[in-house]
């Protein structure tokens, strides 16, 4: 079985500070544990926010930049406020299933201030919302990385996750 590559593509940059430090901490923790579980690390690709005047153009420009980073036959997970709210165990089950099905690349997509394009949302195998609230994309990135780490701990039987 080939290890599954996980990539987070996020519109916008995390500046130096507590959010970046926390995101990096979860990414590193996932990497250490994930390799033992059949995952090939966790990459983060940042996309510059579009400077276009209107929202539709911004979303389309950001979607083009995101799409350029994704190889053919990759599995997409869209972080979308209209997505499904799933618990941590369910999230871990999705990751384990994709790994066991030998999915080579799983991409987790975080849009900018205007969200993801409808086309990217349609192409996603899974659309996930972190509750009904709207969150800043920087916080969504930290929450996603924490959930990926938590999923790895669940799959490893590690005590970090307490149901």
N, C-alpha and C. Protein backbone atom coordinates (compact mmCIF):
# COMPACT_ATOMS: atom_id res chain seq x y z
N UNK A 1 0.85 -1.19 0.00
CA UNK A 1 0.00 0.00 0.00
C UNK A 1 0.89 1.25 0.00
N UNK A 2 0.60 2.16 -0.90
CA UNK A 2 1.35 3.42 -0.99
C UNK A 2 0.81 4.43 0.00
N UNK A 3 1.68 5.19 0.60
CA UNK A 3 1.26 6.19 1.59
C UNK A 3 0.47 7.31 0.90
N UNK A 4 -0.57 7.77 1.57
CA UNK A 4 -1.42 8.84 1.04
C UNK A 4 -0.82 10.20 1.40
N UNK A 5 -0.72 11.04 0.41
CA UNK A 5 -0.22 12.40 0.58
C UNK A 5 -1.39 13.32 0.94
N UNK A 6 -1.22 14.11 1.99
CA UNK A 6 -2.24 15.07 2.41
C UNK A 6 -1.71 16.48 2.16
N UNK A 7 -2.53 17.30 1.51
CA UNK A 7 -2.12 18.66 1.20
C UNK A 7 -3.26 19.60 1.55
N UNK A 8 -2.95 20.65 2.28
CA UNK A 8 -3.91 21.72 2.55
C UNK A 8 -3.54 22.86 1.61
N UNK A 9 -4.51 23.29 0.80
CA UNK A 9 -4.32 24.48 -0.03
C UNK A 9 -5.22 25.55 0.57
N UNK A 10 -4.59 26.64 0.98
CA UNK A 10 -5.32 27.71 1.65
C UNK A 10 -5.08 29.04 0.95
N UNK A 11 -6.17 29.76 0.70
CA UNK A 11 -6.03 31.11 0.17
C UNK A 11 -5.66 32.02 1.34
N UNK A 12 -4.62 32.80 1.15
CA UNK A 12 -4.16 33.71 2.19
C UNK A 12 -2.97 33.13 2.94
N UNK A 13 -2.22 34.01 3.52
CA UNK A 13 -1.02 33.61 4.26
C UNK A 13 -1.25 33.80 5.76
N UNK A 14 -0.70 32.87 6.52
CA UNK A 14 -0.69 33.06 7.97
C UNK A 14 0.56 33.85 8.31
N UNK A 15 0.36 34.99 8.93
CA UNK A 15 1.49 35.81 9.35
C UNK A 15 2.13 35.19 10.58
N UNK A 16 3.36 35.61 10.87
CA UNK A 16 4.02 35.13 12.08
C UNK A 16 3.14 35.46 13.28
N UNK A 17 3.06 34.54 14.20
CA UNK A 17 2.27 34.77 15.39
C UNK A 17 1.64 33.48 15.88
N UNK A 18 0.72 33.60 16.84
CA UNK A 18 0.18 32.41 17.49
C UNK A 18 -0.56 31.46 16.56
N UNK A 19 -1.30 31.98 15.56
CA UNK A 19 -2.02 31.09 14.65
C UNK A 19 -1.04 30.24 13.84
N UNK A 20 0.01 30.88 13.33
CA UNK A 20 1.01 30.17 12.54
C UNK A 20 1.72 29.12 13.40
N UNK A 21 2.08 29.49 14.62
CA UNK A 21 2.76 28.57 15.53
C UNK A 21 1.88 27.37 15.85
N UNK A 22 0.62 27.61 16.12
CA UNK A 22 -0.30 26.51 16.43
C UNK A 22 -0.52 25.62 15.21
N UNK A 23 -0.70 26.23 14.04
CA UNK A 23 -0.88 25.45 12.81
C UNK A 23 0.35 24.57 12.58
N UNK A 24 1.53 25.13 12.74
CA UNK A 24 2.76 24.38 12.52
C UNK A 24 2.90 23.25 13.54
N UNK A 25 2.51 23.51 14.77
CA UNK A 25 2.58 22.47 15.80
C UNK A 25 1.71 21.27 15.42
N UNK A 26 0.46 21.51 14.98
CA UNK A 26 -0.41 20.40 14.58
C UNK A 26 0.11 19.70 13.33
N UNK A 27 0.65 20.46 12.37
CA UNK A 27 1.20 19.85 11.16
C UNK A 27 2.36 18.92 11.52
N UNK A 28 3.25 19.37 12.39
CA UNK A 28 4.39 18.54 12.80
C UNK A 28 3.93 17.30 13.55
N UNK A 29 2.99 17.48 14.46
CA UNK A 29 2.49 16.32 15.23
C UNK A 29 1.85 15.30 14.30
N UNK A 30 1.07 15.79 13.32
CA UNK A 30 0.46 14.86 12.37
C UNK A 30 1.55 14.11 11.60
N UNK A 31 2.57 14.84 11.16
CA UNK A 31 3.64 14.21 10.37
C UNK A 31 4.31 13.08 11.11
N UNK A 32 4.62 13.29 12.37
CA UNK A 32 5.28 12.26 13.18
C UNK A 32 4.42 11.02 13.30
N UNK A 33 3.15 11.21 13.61
CA UNK A 33 2.24 10.09 13.82
C UNK A 33 1.74 9.51 12.49
N UNK A 34 1.47 10.39 11.54
CA UNK A 34 0.88 9.98 10.27
C UNK A 34 1.71 8.99 9.48
N UNK A 35 3.03 9.16 9.50
CA UNK A 35 3.90 8.24 8.75
C UNK A 35 3.71 6.79 9.22
N UNK A 36 3.49 6.60 10.51
CA UNK A 36 3.27 5.25 11.05
C UNK A 36 1.93 4.68 10.63
N UNK A 37 1.03 5.56 10.19
CA UNK A 37 -0.34 5.14 9.85
C UNK A 37 -0.59 5.06 8.34
N UNK A 38 0.45 5.25 7.54
CA UNK A 38 0.29 5.16 6.09
C UNK A 38 0.00 6.49 5.42
N UNK A 39 0.36 7.59 6.07
CA UNK A 39 0.22 8.92 5.46
C UNK A 39 1.61 9.46 5.19
N UNK A 40 1.74 10.19 4.10
CA UNK A 40 3.04 10.70 3.67
C UNK A 40 3.20 12.16 4.07
N UNK A 41 3.03 12.45 5.32
CA UNK A 41 3.20 13.82 5.78
C UNK A 41 2.01 14.70 5.46
N UNK A 42 2.16 15.96 5.74
CA UNK A 42 1.08 16.94 5.57
C UNK A 42 1.71 18.24 5.08
N UNK A 43 1.36 18.61 3.86
CA UNK A 43 1.91 19.82 3.24
C UNK A 43 0.88 20.94 3.31
N UNK A 44 1.39 22.17 3.34
CA UNK A 44 0.50 23.34 3.28
C UNK A 44 0.98 24.22 2.13
N UNK A 45 0.07 24.51 1.21
CA UNK A 45 0.36 25.41 0.10
C UNK A 45 -0.52 26.65 0.26
N UNK A 46 0.11 27.78 0.30
CA UNK A 46 -0.62 29.04 0.43
C UNK A 46 -0.77 29.69 -0.94
N UNK A 47 -1.98 30.17 -1.21
CA UNK A 47 -2.31 30.85 -2.46
C UNK A 47 -2.54 32.32 -2.13
N UNK A 48 -1.98 33.20 -2.93
CA UNK A 48 -2.21 34.62 -2.71
C UNK A 48 -3.68 34.97 -2.95
N UNK A 49 -4.21 35.83 -2.11
CA UNK A 49 -5.58 36.31 -2.29
C UNK A 49 -5.65 37.16 -3.55
N UNK A 50 -6.72 37.00 -4.30
CA UNK A 50 -6.93 37.81 -5.50
C UNK A 50 -7.16 39.26 -5.10
N UNK A 51 -6.69 40.18 -5.92
CA UNK A 51 -6.89 41.61 -5.69
C UNK A 51 -8.01 42.18 -6.57
N UNK A 52 -8.74 41.30 -7.26
CA UNK A 52 -9.82 41.77 -8.15
C UNK A 52 -10.87 42.54 -7.35
N UNK A 53 -11.53 43.45 -8.03
CA UNK A 53 -12.53 44.31 -7.35
C UNK A 53 -13.81 43.57 -6.97
N UNK A 54 -14.28 42.67 -7.84
CA UNK A 54 -15.57 42.02 -7.53
C UNK A 54 -15.35 40.59 -7.05
N UNK A 55 -16.28 40.14 -6.22
CA UNK A 55 -16.17 38.84 -5.55
C UNK A 55 -16.10 37.69 -6.55
N UNK A 56 -16.92 37.72 -7.59
CA UNK A 56 -16.94 36.61 -8.56
C UNK A 56 -15.58 36.45 -9.23
N UNK A 57 -14.97 37.55 -9.60
CA UNK A 57 -13.64 37.48 -10.23
C UNK A 57 -12.61 36.98 -9.24
N UNK A 58 -12.68 37.45 -7.99
CA UNK A 58 -11.74 36.98 -6.96
C UNK A 58 -11.85 35.46 -6.79
N UNK A 59 -13.08 34.98 -6.66
CA UNK A 59 -13.30 33.54 -6.46
C UNK A 59 -12.76 32.75 -7.65
N UNK A 60 -13.02 33.23 -8.87
CA UNK A 60 -12.54 32.53 -10.07
C UNK A 60 -11.02 32.53 -10.17
N UNK A 61 -10.39 33.66 -9.87
CA UNK A 61 -8.92 33.73 -9.91
C UNK A 61 -8.31 32.82 -8.85
N UNK A 62 -8.87 32.81 -7.66
CA UNK A 62 -8.36 31.94 -6.60
C UNK A 62 -8.59 30.47 -6.95
N UNK A 63 -9.74 30.16 -7.56
CA UNK A 63 -10.02 28.78 -7.97
C UNK A 63 -9.01 28.30 -9.01
N UNK A 64 -8.65 29.17 -9.95
CA UNK A 64 -7.66 28.80 -10.96
C UNK A 64 -6.31 28.52 -10.31
N UNK A 65 -5.92 29.34 -9.34
CA UNK A 65 -4.64 29.14 -8.65
C UNK A 65 -4.66 27.85 -7.83
N UNK A 66 -5.79 27.56 -7.20
CA UNK A 66 -5.93 26.31 -6.43
C UNK A 66 -5.86 25.12 -7.37
N UNK A 67 -6.64 25.16 -8.44
CA UNK A 67 -6.71 24.03 -9.38
C UNK A 67 -5.36 23.72 -10.01
N UNK A 68 -4.54 24.74 -10.21
CA UNK A 68 -3.21 24.54 -10.81
C UNK A 68 -2.31 23.70 -9.92
N UNK A 69 -2.63 23.60 -8.64
CA UNK A 69 -1.79 22.85 -7.69
C UNK A 69 -2.23 21.39 -7.53
N UNK A 70 -3.36 21.03 -8.12
CA UNK A 70 -3.95 19.72 -7.85
C UNK A 70 -3.73 18.76 -9.03
N UNK A 71 -3.02 17.65 -8.78
CA UNK A 71 -2.84 16.65 -9.85
C UNK A 71 -4.16 15.95 -10.19
N UNK A 72 -4.21 15.38 -11.39
CA UNK A 72 -5.38 14.60 -11.81
C UNK A 72 -5.65 13.47 -10.80
N UNK A 73 -6.88 13.08 -10.70
CA UNK A 73 -7.32 11.95 -9.86
C UNK A 73 -7.05 12.15 -8.38
N UNK A 74 -6.96 13.39 -7.94
CA UNK A 74 -6.81 13.67 -6.52
C UNK A 74 -8.18 13.76 -5.88
N UNK A 75 -8.25 13.39 -4.63
CA UNK A 75 -9.49 13.51 -3.86
C UNK A 75 -9.52 14.90 -3.25
N UNK A 76 -10.67 15.58 -3.35
CA UNK A 76 -10.81 16.93 -2.83
C UNK A 76 -11.76 16.95 -1.64
N UNK A 77 -11.37 17.70 -0.62
CA UNK A 77 -12.23 17.98 0.53
C UNK A 77 -12.33 19.50 0.62
N UNK A 78 -13.55 20.02 0.49
CA UNK A 78 -13.76 21.46 0.54
C UNK A 78 -14.20 21.86 1.94
N UNK A 79 -13.52 22.85 2.50
CA UNK A 79 -13.97 23.44 3.76
C UNK A 79 -14.96 24.52 3.37
N UNK A 80 -16.22 24.31 3.72
CA UNK A 80 -17.30 25.14 3.20
C UNK A 80 -18.38 25.28 4.27
N UNK A 81 -18.77 26.51 4.56
CA UNK A 81 -19.78 26.73 5.60
C UNK A 81 -21.10 26.04 5.29
N UNK A 82 -21.34 25.69 4.02
CA UNK A 82 -22.56 24.96 3.64
C UNK A 82 -22.35 23.46 3.66
N UNK A 83 -21.16 23.03 4.08
CA UNK A 83 -20.82 21.61 4.07
C UNK A 83 -21.45 20.86 5.23
N UNK A 84 -21.04 19.62 5.33
CA UNK A 84 -21.55 18.69 6.34
C UNK A 84 -20.76 18.86 7.63
N UNK A 85 -21.46 18.86 8.75
CA UNK A 85 -20.80 18.86 10.06
C UNK A 85 -20.59 17.40 10.44
N UNK A 86 -19.34 16.99 10.52
CA UNK A 86 -19.06 15.61 10.91
C UNK A 86 -18.20 15.62 12.17
N UNK A 87 -18.38 14.60 12.98
CA UNK A 87 -17.60 14.55 14.21
C UNK A 87 -16.20 14.01 13.91
N UNK A 88 -15.35 14.08 14.90
CA UNK A 88 -13.95 13.70 14.71
C UNK A 88 -13.79 12.22 14.35
N UNK A 89 -14.61 11.35 14.93
CA UNK A 89 -14.53 9.93 14.58
C UNK A 89 -14.91 9.71 13.12
N UNK A 90 -15.95 10.39 12.66
CA UNK A 90 -16.35 10.29 11.26
C UNK A 90 -15.27 10.80 10.32
N UNK A 91 -14.64 11.89 10.70
CA UNK A 91 -13.55 12.46 9.91
C UNK A 91 -12.39 11.46 9.82
N UNK A 92 -12.05 10.84 10.95
CA UNK A 92 -10.98 9.84 10.98
C UNK A 92 -11.34 8.64 10.09
N UNK A 93 -12.60 8.24 10.11
CA UNK A 93 -13.03 7.11 9.27
C UNK A 93 -12.87 7.43 7.79
N UNK A 94 -13.21 8.67 7.39
CA UNK A 94 -13.01 9.08 6.00
C UNK A 94 -11.54 8.95 5.61
N UNK A 95 -10.64 9.49 6.44
CA UNK A 95 -9.21 9.42 6.13
C UNK A 95 -8.73 7.98 6.02
N UNK A 96 -9.15 7.15 6.96
CA UNK A 96 -8.73 5.74 6.95
C UNK A 96 -9.25 5.04 5.69
N UNK A 97 -10.49 5.30 5.31
CA UNK A 97 -11.06 4.66 4.12
C UNK A 97 -10.30 5.07 2.87
N UNK A 98 -10.03 6.38 2.74
CA UNK A 98 -9.30 6.84 1.55
C UNK A 98 -7.90 6.23 1.51
N UNK A 99 -7.24 6.18 2.66
CA UNK A 99 -5.91 5.56 2.73
C UNK A 99 -6.00 4.09 2.32
N UNK A 100 -6.98 3.39 2.86
CA UNK A 100 -7.13 1.96 2.58
C UNK A 100 -7.54 1.69 1.13
N UNK A 101 -8.17 2.66 0.49
CA UNK A 101 -8.54 2.56 -0.93
C UNK A 101 -7.39 3.00 -1.83
N UNK A 102 -6.23 3.28 -1.24
CA UNK A 102 -5.03 3.69 -1.95
C UNK A 102 -5.18 5.00 -2.71
N UNK A 103 -5.92 5.93 -2.14
CA UNK A 103 -5.99 7.27 -2.71
C UNK A 103 -4.59 7.87 -2.58
N UNK A 104 -4.03 8.35 -3.69
CA UNK A 104 -2.65 8.85 -3.68
C UNK A 104 -2.56 10.24 -3.04
N UNK A 105 -3.51 11.11 -3.38
CA UNK A 105 -3.46 12.50 -2.95
C UNK A 105 -4.83 12.96 -2.44
N UNK A 106 -4.84 13.51 -1.25
CA UNK A 106 -6.05 14.13 -0.70
C UNK A 106 -5.74 15.60 -0.48
N UNK A 107 -6.55 16.46 -1.09
CA UNK A 107 -6.36 17.90 -0.98
C UNK A 107 -7.51 18.50 -0.18
N UNK A 108 -7.16 19.29 0.81
CA UNK A 108 -8.13 19.99 1.65
C UNK A 108 -8.08 21.46 1.25
N UNK A 109 -9.22 21.99 0.80
CA UNK A 109 -9.26 23.32 0.20
C UNK A 109 -9.93 24.33 1.11
N UNK A 110 -9.22 25.43 1.38
CA UNK A 110 -9.75 26.52 2.20
C UNK A 110 -9.75 27.77 1.33
N UNK A 111 -10.93 28.29 1.06
CA UNK A 111 -11.05 29.47 0.22
C UNK A 111 -10.70 30.74 0.97
N UNK A 112 -10.73 31.83 0.24
CA UNK A 112 -10.47 33.14 0.83
C UNK A 112 -11.75 33.72 1.43
N UNK A 113 -11.77 35.03 1.55
CA UNK A 113 -12.89 35.73 2.19
C UNK A 113 -14.22 35.47 1.49
N UNK A 114 -14.18 35.21 0.19
CA UNK A 114 -15.42 34.98 -0.58
C UNK A 114 -15.74 33.50 -0.74
N UNK A 115 -14.95 32.63 -0.14
CA UNK A 115 -15.21 31.20 -0.21
C UNK A 115 -14.61 30.54 -1.44
N UNK A 116 -14.97 29.28 -1.64
CA UNK A 116 -14.50 28.50 -2.78
C UNK A 116 -15.47 28.64 -3.95
N UNK A 117 -14.97 28.42 -5.14
CA UNK A 117 -15.83 28.48 -6.32
C UNK A 117 -16.83 27.33 -6.30
N UNK A 118 -18.00 27.54 -6.89
CA UNK A 118 -18.98 26.45 -6.98
C UNK A 118 -18.40 25.21 -7.67
N UNK A 119 -17.53 25.41 -8.66
CA UNK A 119 -16.93 24.29 -9.37
C UNK A 119 -16.06 23.44 -8.44
N UNK A 120 -15.23 24.08 -7.62
CA UNK A 120 -14.40 23.32 -6.67
C UNK A 120 -15.27 22.62 -5.64
N UNK A 121 -16.31 23.28 -5.17
CA UNK A 121 -17.21 22.63 -4.20
C UNK A 121 -17.88 21.41 -4.82
N UNK A 122 -18.27 21.50 -6.09
CA UNK A 122 -18.91 20.36 -6.79
C UNK A 122 -17.94 19.20 -6.95
N UNK A 123 -16.68 19.50 -7.24
CA UNK A 123 -15.68 18.44 -7.48
C UNK A 123 -15.26 17.74 -6.18
N UNK A 124 -15.57 18.33 -5.05
CA UNK A 124 -15.13 17.76 -3.77
C UNK A 124 -15.88 16.48 -3.44
N UNK A 125 -15.15 15.49 -2.99
CA UNK A 125 -15.74 14.24 -2.51
C UNK A 125 -16.49 14.49 -1.20
N UNK A 126 -15.95 15.41 -0.41
CA UNK A 126 -16.54 15.73 0.89
C UNK A 126 -16.48 17.24 1.08
N UNK A 127 -17.58 17.81 1.57
CA UNK A 127 -17.62 19.23 1.93
C UNK A 127 -17.86 19.28 3.43
N UNK A 128 -16.95 19.92 4.15
CA UNK A 128 -16.99 19.93 5.61
C UNK A 128 -17.18 21.35 6.12
N UNK A 129 -18.07 21.47 7.10
CA UNK A 129 -18.27 22.74 7.81
C UNK A 129 -17.88 22.53 9.26
N UNK A 130 -17.23 23.52 9.83
CA UNK A 130 -16.93 23.48 11.26
C UNK A 130 -18.03 24.24 12.00
N UNK A 131 -19.23 23.70 11.95
CA UNK A 131 -20.38 24.33 12.60
C UNK A 131 -21.06 25.34 11.69
N UNK A 132 -22.11 25.96 12.23
CA UNK A 132 -22.92 26.89 11.45
C UNK A 132 -22.30 28.28 11.34
N UNK A 133 -21.36 28.59 12.20
CA UNK A 133 -20.74 29.91 12.20
C UNK A 133 -19.81 30.08 11.01
N UNK A 134 -19.58 31.31 10.63
CA UNK A 134 -18.57 31.64 9.63
C UNK A 134 -17.29 31.95 10.37
N UNK A 135 -16.18 31.31 9.93
CA UNK A 135 -14.90 31.45 10.60
C UNK A 135 -13.90 32.13 9.67
N UNK A 136 -12.98 32.91 10.21
CA UNK A 136 -11.89 33.45 9.39
C UNK A 136 -11.06 32.29 8.83
N UNK A 137 -10.57 32.42 7.59
CA UNK A 137 -9.86 31.30 6.98
C UNK A 137 -8.60 30.92 7.75
N UNK A 138 -7.99 31.85 8.48
CA UNK A 138 -6.81 31.51 9.28
C UNK A 138 -7.18 30.55 10.41
N UNK A 139 -8.33 30.80 11.04
CA UNK A 139 -8.80 29.93 12.13
C UNK A 139 -9.23 28.58 11.57
N UNK A 140 -9.87 28.58 10.39
CA UNK A 140 -10.27 27.32 9.76
C UNK A 140 -9.04 26.45 9.51
N UNK A 141 -7.95 27.07 9.09
CA UNK A 141 -6.72 26.30 8.84
C UNK A 141 -6.25 25.62 10.12
N UNK A 142 -6.21 26.36 11.22
CA UNK A 142 -5.78 25.78 12.49
C UNK A 142 -6.74 24.66 12.91
N UNK A 143 -8.04 24.89 12.75
CA UNK A 143 -9.03 23.88 13.14
C UNK A 143 -8.89 22.62 12.26
N UNK A 144 -8.66 22.80 10.97
CA UNK A 144 -8.47 21.65 10.08
C UNK A 144 -7.23 20.86 10.48
N UNK A 145 -6.12 21.55 10.70
CA UNK A 145 -4.90 20.85 11.08
C UNK A 145 -5.06 20.11 12.41
N UNK A 146 -5.78 20.72 13.34
CA UNK A 146 -6.05 20.03 14.61
C UNK A 146 -6.88 18.79 14.36
N UNK A 147 -7.89 18.87 13.50
CA UNK A 147 -8.75 17.71 13.23
C UNK A 147 -7.98 16.61 12.50
N UNK A 148 -7.07 16.99 11.62
CA UNK A 148 -6.23 15.98 10.96
C UNK A 148 -5.35 15.27 11.99
N UNK A 149 -4.75 16.05 12.89
CA UNK A 149 -3.95 15.44 13.95
C UNK A 149 -4.82 14.55 14.85
N UNK A 150 -5.99 15.06 15.21
CA UNK A 150 -6.90 14.28 16.06
C UNK A 150 -7.30 12.98 15.36
N UNK A 151 -7.57 13.05 14.06
CA UNK A 151 -7.92 11.84 13.30
C UNK A 151 -6.78 10.82 13.37
N UNK A 152 -5.55 11.30 13.24
CA UNK A 152 -4.40 10.39 13.32
C UNK A 152 -4.32 9.75 14.70
N UNK A 153 -4.59 10.53 15.75
CA UNK A 153 -4.53 9.96 17.10
C UNK A 153 -5.64 8.93 17.29
N UNK A 154 -6.80 9.18 16.70
CA UNK A 154 -7.91 8.21 16.78
C UNK A 154 -7.49 6.92 16.10
N UNK A 155 -6.94 7.03 14.90
CA UNK A 155 -6.54 5.84 14.13
C UNK A 155 -5.41 5.07 14.82
N UNK A 156 -4.59 5.80 15.59
CA UNK A 156 -3.47 5.15 16.28
C UNK A 156 -3.86 4.64 17.67
N UNK A 157 -5.10 4.95 18.10
CA UNK A 157 -5.52 4.54 19.44
C UNK A 157 -4.83 5.36 20.53
N UNK A 158 -4.37 6.54 20.19
CA UNK A 158 -3.66 7.45 21.11
C UNK A 158 -4.68 8.12 22.03
N UNK A 159 -4.34 8.40 23.27
CA UNK A 159 -5.31 8.97 24.21
C UNK A 159 -5.66 10.45 24.00
N UNK A 160 -5.04 11.14 23.03
CA UNK A 160 -5.36 12.55 22.79
C UNK A 160 -6.86 12.76 22.61
N UNK A 161 -7.51 11.88 21.83
CA UNK A 161 -8.94 12.02 21.61
C UNK A 161 -9.71 11.25 22.68
N UNK A 162 -10.55 11.96 23.37
CA UNK A 162 -11.41 11.31 24.37
C UNK A 162 -12.85 11.57 23.96
N UNK A 163 -13.52 10.53 23.56
CA UNK A 163 -14.90 10.66 23.08
C UNK A 163 -15.86 10.88 24.24
